Amino acid sequence: EVQLVESGGGLVQAGGSLRLSCAASGFSFDDAVIGWFHQAPGKEREGVSYISTVNGDTGDADAVKGRFAISRDETKNTVNLQMNNLKPEDTAVYYCAAGLAENVIVTLTPEGWNAHGMNYWGKGILVTVSS
């Protein structure tokens, strides 16, 4: 059984930092595309950042460029999202998702990106940024 488990969320003041981690079991992040998505109350889920472990390509939504950075820890089969200079509008539930690179299609959108073919999802973790 594949499981993705997010950790590292919580409450932080505006301007602060958090580091989210996505740990996988039953699925190797080798040859995969892993993405972080978020969903704010009353809004649709949006892509935040993604990474391809095939070629190291990464992408970010425009709203987080220069503030968030996605990375992979090969030794722990985890993917991390370093979030700096957090803003109240970053408040959302953050989800980790993954799929085999051969099955994932990443498309660019006016706001950043979206992806299809990520078959595995975590349950999500809440990030709250206070003003």
C-alpha atoms as a PDB file:
ATOM      1  CA  GLU A   1       0.000   0.000   0.000  1.00  0.00           C
ATOM      2  CA  VAL A   2       1.304   3.408  -0.969  1.00  0.00           C
ATOM      3  CA  GLN A   3       1.214   6.120   1.666  1.00  0.00           C
ATOM      4  CA  LEU A   4       2.305   9.727   1.495  1.00  0.00           C
ATOM      5  CA  VAL A   5       2.486  11.464   4.852  1.00  0.00           C
ATOM      6  CA  GLU A   6       2.917  15.203   5.226  1.00  0.00           C
ATOM      7  CA  SER A   7       4.512  16.793   8.279  1.00  0.00           C
ATOM      8  CA  GLY A   8       5.803  20.170   9.404  1.00  0.00           C
ATOM      9  CA  GLY A   9       2.683  22.279   9.202  1.00  0.00           C
ATOM     10  CA  GLY A  10       1.350  24.553  11.893  1.00  0.00           C
ATOM     11  CA  LEU A  11       0.828  28.156  12.877  1.00  0.00           C
ATOM     12  CA  VAL A  12       3.373  30.828  12.023  1.00  0.00           C
ATOM     13  CA  GLN A  13       3.384  34.601  11.916  1.00  0.00           C
ATOM     14  CA  ALA A  14       3.625  36.466   8.649  1.00  0.00           C
ATOM     15  CA  GLY A  15       7.233  36.668   7.523  1.00  0.00           C
ATOM     16  CA  GLY A  16       8.109  33.402   9.206  1.00  0.00           C
ATOM     17  CA  SER A  17       9.163  30.063   7.758  1.00  0.00           C
ATOM     18  CA  LEU A  18       7.991  26.475   7.770  1.00  0.00           C
ATOM     19  CA  ARG A  19       9.417  23.335   6.228  1.00  0.00           C
ATOM     20  CA  LEU A  20       6.969  20.718   5.039  1.00  0.00           C
ATOM     21  CA  SER A  21       8.055  17.138   4.440  1.00  0.00           C
ATOM     22  CA  CYS A  22       6.403  14.405   2.432  1.00  0.00           C
ATOM     23  CA  ALA A  23       7.484  10.887   3.339  1.00  0.00           C
ATOM     24  CA  ALA A  24       6.573   7.983   1.089  1.00  0.00           C
ATOM     25  CA  SER A  25       6.150   4.328   1.881  1.00  0.00           C
ATOM     26  CA  GLY A  26       5.392   1.664  -0.680  1.00  0.00           C
ATOM     27  CA  PHE A  27       6.481   4.027  -3.457  1.00  0.00           C
ATOM     28  CA  SER A  28       9.939   5.137  -4.486  1.00  0.00           C
ATOM     29  CA  PHE A  29      10.493   8.742  -5.455  1.00  0.00           C
ATOM     30  CA  ASP A  30      12.974   7.540  -8.081  1.00  0.00           C
ATOM     31  CA  ASP A  31      11.725   8.331 -11.584  1.00  0.00           C
ATOM     32  CA  ALA A  32       8.740  10.233 -10.223  1.00  0.00           C
ATOM     33  CA  VAL A  33       7.139  13.644 -10.221  1.00  0.00           C
ATOM     34  CA  ILE A  34       6.220  14.920  -6.777  1.00  0.00           C
ATOM     35  CA  GLY A  35       4.134  17.985  -6.198  1.00  0.00           C
ATOM     36  CA  TRP A  36       2.855  20.133  -3.390  1.00  0.00           C
ATOM     37  CA  PHE A  37      -0.638  21.526  -3.742  1.00  0.00           C
ATOM     38  CA  HIS A  38      -2.674  23.723  -1.464  1.00  0.00           C
ATOM     39  CA  GLN A  39      -6.334  24.416  -0.963  1.00  0.00           C
ATOM     40  CA  ALA A  40      -7.574  27.456   0.894  1.00  0.00           C
ATOM     41  CA  PRO A  41     -11.086  27.608   2.352  1.00  0.00           C
ATOM     42  CA  GLY A  42     -13.636  28.155  -0.392  1.00  0.00           C
ATOM     43  CA  LYS A  43     -11.051  27.878  -3.148  1.00  0.00           C
ATOM     44  CA  GLU A  44      -9.962  25.203  -5.569  1.00  0.00           C
ATOM     45  CA  ARG A  45      -6.824  23.187  -5.042  1.00  0.00           C
ATOM     46  CA  GLU A  46      -3.784  24.711  -6.753  1.00  0.00           C
ATOM     47  CA  GLY A  47      -0.316  23.535  -7.563  1.00  0.00           C
ATOM     48  CA  VAL A  48       2.413  25.110  -5.427  1.00  0.00           C
ATOM     49  CA  SER A  49       5.707  23.461  -6.359  1.00  0.00           C
ATOM     50  CA  TYR A  50       6.792  20.278  -8.130  1.00  0.00           C
ATOM     51  CA  ILE A  51       9.958  18.349  -8.761  1.00  0.00           C
ATOM     52  CA  SER A  52      10.895  15.667 -11.260  1.00  0.00           C
ATOM     53  CA  THR A  53      13.408  13.183  -9.942  1.00  0.00           C
ATOM     54  CA  VAL A  54      14.180  12.096 -13.500  1.00  0.00           C
ATOM     55  CA  ASN A  55      15.870  15.315 -14.552  1.00  0.00           C
ATOM     56  CA  GLY A  56      15.666  17.526 -11.469  1.00  0.00           C
ATOM     57  CA  ASP A  57      13.252  19.981 -13.072  1.00  0.00           C
ATOM     58  CA  THR A  58      11.251  22.059 -10.629  1.00  0.00           C
ATOM     59  CA  GLY A  59       8.422  24.517 -10.996  1.00  0.00           C
ATOM     60  CA  ASP A  60       6.599  26.945  -8.761  1.00  0.00           C
ATOM     61  CA  ALA A  61       3.362  28.849  -8.799  1.00  0.00           C
ATOM     62  CA  ASP A  62       3.917  32.544  -9.490  1.00  0.00           C
ATOM     63  CA  ALA A  63       2.624  33.437  -6.029  1.00  0.00           C
ATOM     64  CA  VAL A  64       5.441  31.539  -4.294  1.00  0.00           C
ATOM     65  CA  LYS A  65       8.394  32.099  -6.615  1.00  0.00           C
ATOM     66  CA  GLY A  66      11.389  33.320  -4.683  1.00  0.00           C
ATOM     67  CA  ARG A  67       9.821  32.313  -1.358  1.00  0.00           C
ATOM     68  CA  PHE A  68       9.291  28.535  -1.581  1.00  0.00           C
ATOM     69  CA  ALA A  69      11.769  25.865  -2.614  1.00  0.00           C
ATOM     70  CA  ILE A  70      11.130  22.184  -3.230  1.00  0.00           C
ATOM     71  CA  SER A  71      13.862  19.591  -2.768  1.00  0.00           C
ATOM     72  CA  ARG A  72      14.343  15.863  -2.469  1.00  0.00           C
ATOM     73  CA  ASP A  73      16.125  13.919   0.254  1.00  0.00           C
ATOM     74  CA  GLU A  74      17.175  10.703  -1.504  1.00  0.00           C
ATOM     75  CA  THR A  75      18.360   9.043   1.676  1.00  0.00           C
ATOM     76  CA  LYS A  76      14.951   9.295   3.299  1.00  0.00           C
ATOM     77  CA  ASN A  77      12.643   9.004   0.271  1.00  0.00           C
ATOM     78  CA  THR A  78      11.148  12.345   1.181  1.00  0.00           C
ATOM     79  CA  VAL A  79      10.433  15.600  -0.595  1.00  0.00           C
ATOM     80  CA  ASN A  80      10.560  18.859   1.319  1.00  0.00           C
ATOM     81  CA  LEU A  81       8.997  22.246   0.754  1.00  0.00           C
ATOM     82  CA  GLN A  82      10.861  25.110   2.387  1.00  0.00           C
ATOM     83  CA  MET A  83       8.487  28.018   2.780  1.00  0.00           C
ATOM     84  CA  ASN A  84       9.973  31.398   3.639  1.00  0.00           C
ATOM     85  CA  ASN A  85       8.502  34.856   4.069  1.00  0.00           C
ATOM     86  CA  LEU A  86       5.073  33.338   4.579  1.00  0.00           C
ATOM     87  CA  LYS A  87       2.032  35.492   3.981  1.00  0.00           C
ATOM     88  CA  PRO A  88      -1.511  35.207   5.361  1.00  0.00           C
ATOM     89  CA  GLU A  89      -2.682  34.252   1.873  1.00  0.00           C
ATOM     90  CA  ASP A  90      -0.491  31.129   2.090  1.00  0.00           C
ATOM     91  CA  THR A  91      -2.897  29.795   4.707  1.00  0.00           C
ATOM     92  CA  ALA A  92      -4.277  26.520   3.361  1.00  0.00           C
ATOM     93  CA  VAL A  93      -4.210  22.774   3.639  1.00  0.00           C
ATOM     94  CA  TYR A  94      -1.104  21.537   1.865  1.00  0.00           C
ATOM     95  CA  TYR A  95      -1.106  18.193   0.078  1.00  0.00           C
ATOM     96  CA  CYS A  96       1.734  16.089  -1.238  1.00  0.00           C
ATOM     97  CA  ALA A  97       1.100  14.103  -4.404  1.00  0.00           C
ATOM     98  CA  ALA A  98       3.227  11.823  -6.553  1.00  0.00           C
ATOM     99  CA  GLY A  99       3.184   9.667  -9.626  1.00  0.00           C
ATOM    100  CA  LEU A 100       5.532   7.829 -11.919  1.00  0.00           C
ATOM    101  CA  ALA A 101       7.193  10.299 -14.219  1.00  0.00           C
ATOM    102  CA  GLU A 102       6.042   8.345 -17.270  1.00  0.00           C
ATOM    103  CA  ASN A 103       2.426   8.872 -16.208  1.00  0.00           C
ATOM    104  CA  VAL A 104       2.523  12.515 -15.105  1.00  0.00           C
ATOM    105  CA  ILE A 105       1.878  15.430 -17.420  1.00  0.00           C
ATOM    106  CA  VAL A 106       2.725  18.888 -16.084  1.00  0.00           C
ATOM    107  CA  THR A 107       1.140  21.817 -17.858  1.00  0.00           C
ATOM    108  CA  LEU A 108       1.826  25.501 -17.383  1.00  0.00           C
ATOM    109  CA  THR A 109      -1.049  27.771 -16.449  1.00  0.00           C
ATOM    110  CA  PRO A 110      -1.323  31.562 -16.100  1.00  0.00           C
ATOM    111  CA  GLU A 111      -0.867  31.140 -12.346  1.00  0.00           C
ATOM    112  CA  GLY A 112       1.882  28.530 -12.504  1.00  0.00           C
ATOM    113  CA  TRP A 113       1.241  24.879 -13.238  1.00  0.00           C
ATOM    114  CA  ASN A 114      -1.034  21.917 -12.954  1.00  0.00           C
ATOM    115  CA  ALA A 115      -0.436  18.188 -13.261  1.00  0.00           C
ATOM    116  CA  HIS A 116      -2.336  15.093 -14.286  1.00  0.00           C
ATOM    117  CA  GLY A 117      -1.408  11.517 -13.467  1.00  0.00           C
ATOM    118  CA  MET A 118      -0.372  11.947  -9.855  1.00  0.00           C
ATOM    119  CA  ASN A 119      -2.062   8.873  -8.494  1.00  0.00           C
ATOM    120  CA  TYR A 120      -0.941   9.081  -4.898  1.00  0.00           C
ATOM    121  CA  TRP A 121      -1.979  11.751  -2.435  1.00  0.00           C
ATOM    122  CA  GLY A 122      -1.374  12.489   1.200  1.00  0.00           C
ATOM    123  CA  LYS A 123      -4.154  13.470   3.584  1.00  0.00           C
ATOM    124  CA  GLY A 124      -2.962  17.034   3.824  1.00  0.00           C
ATOM    125  CA  ILE A 125      -1.583  19.240   6.551  1.00  0.00           C
ATOM    126  CA  LEU A 126      -2.749  22.651   7.708  1.00  0.00           C
ATOM    127  CA  VAL A 127      -0.562  25.720   7.420  1.00  0.00           C
ATOM    128  CA  THR A 128      -1.892  28.859   9.083  1.00  0.00           C
ATOM    129  CA  VAL A 129      -0.147  32.194   8.675  1.00  0.00           C
ATOM    130  CA  SER A 130      -1.279  34.935  11.037  1.00  0.00           C
ATOM    131  CA  SER A 131      -0.994  38.612  10.190  1.00  0.00           C
END
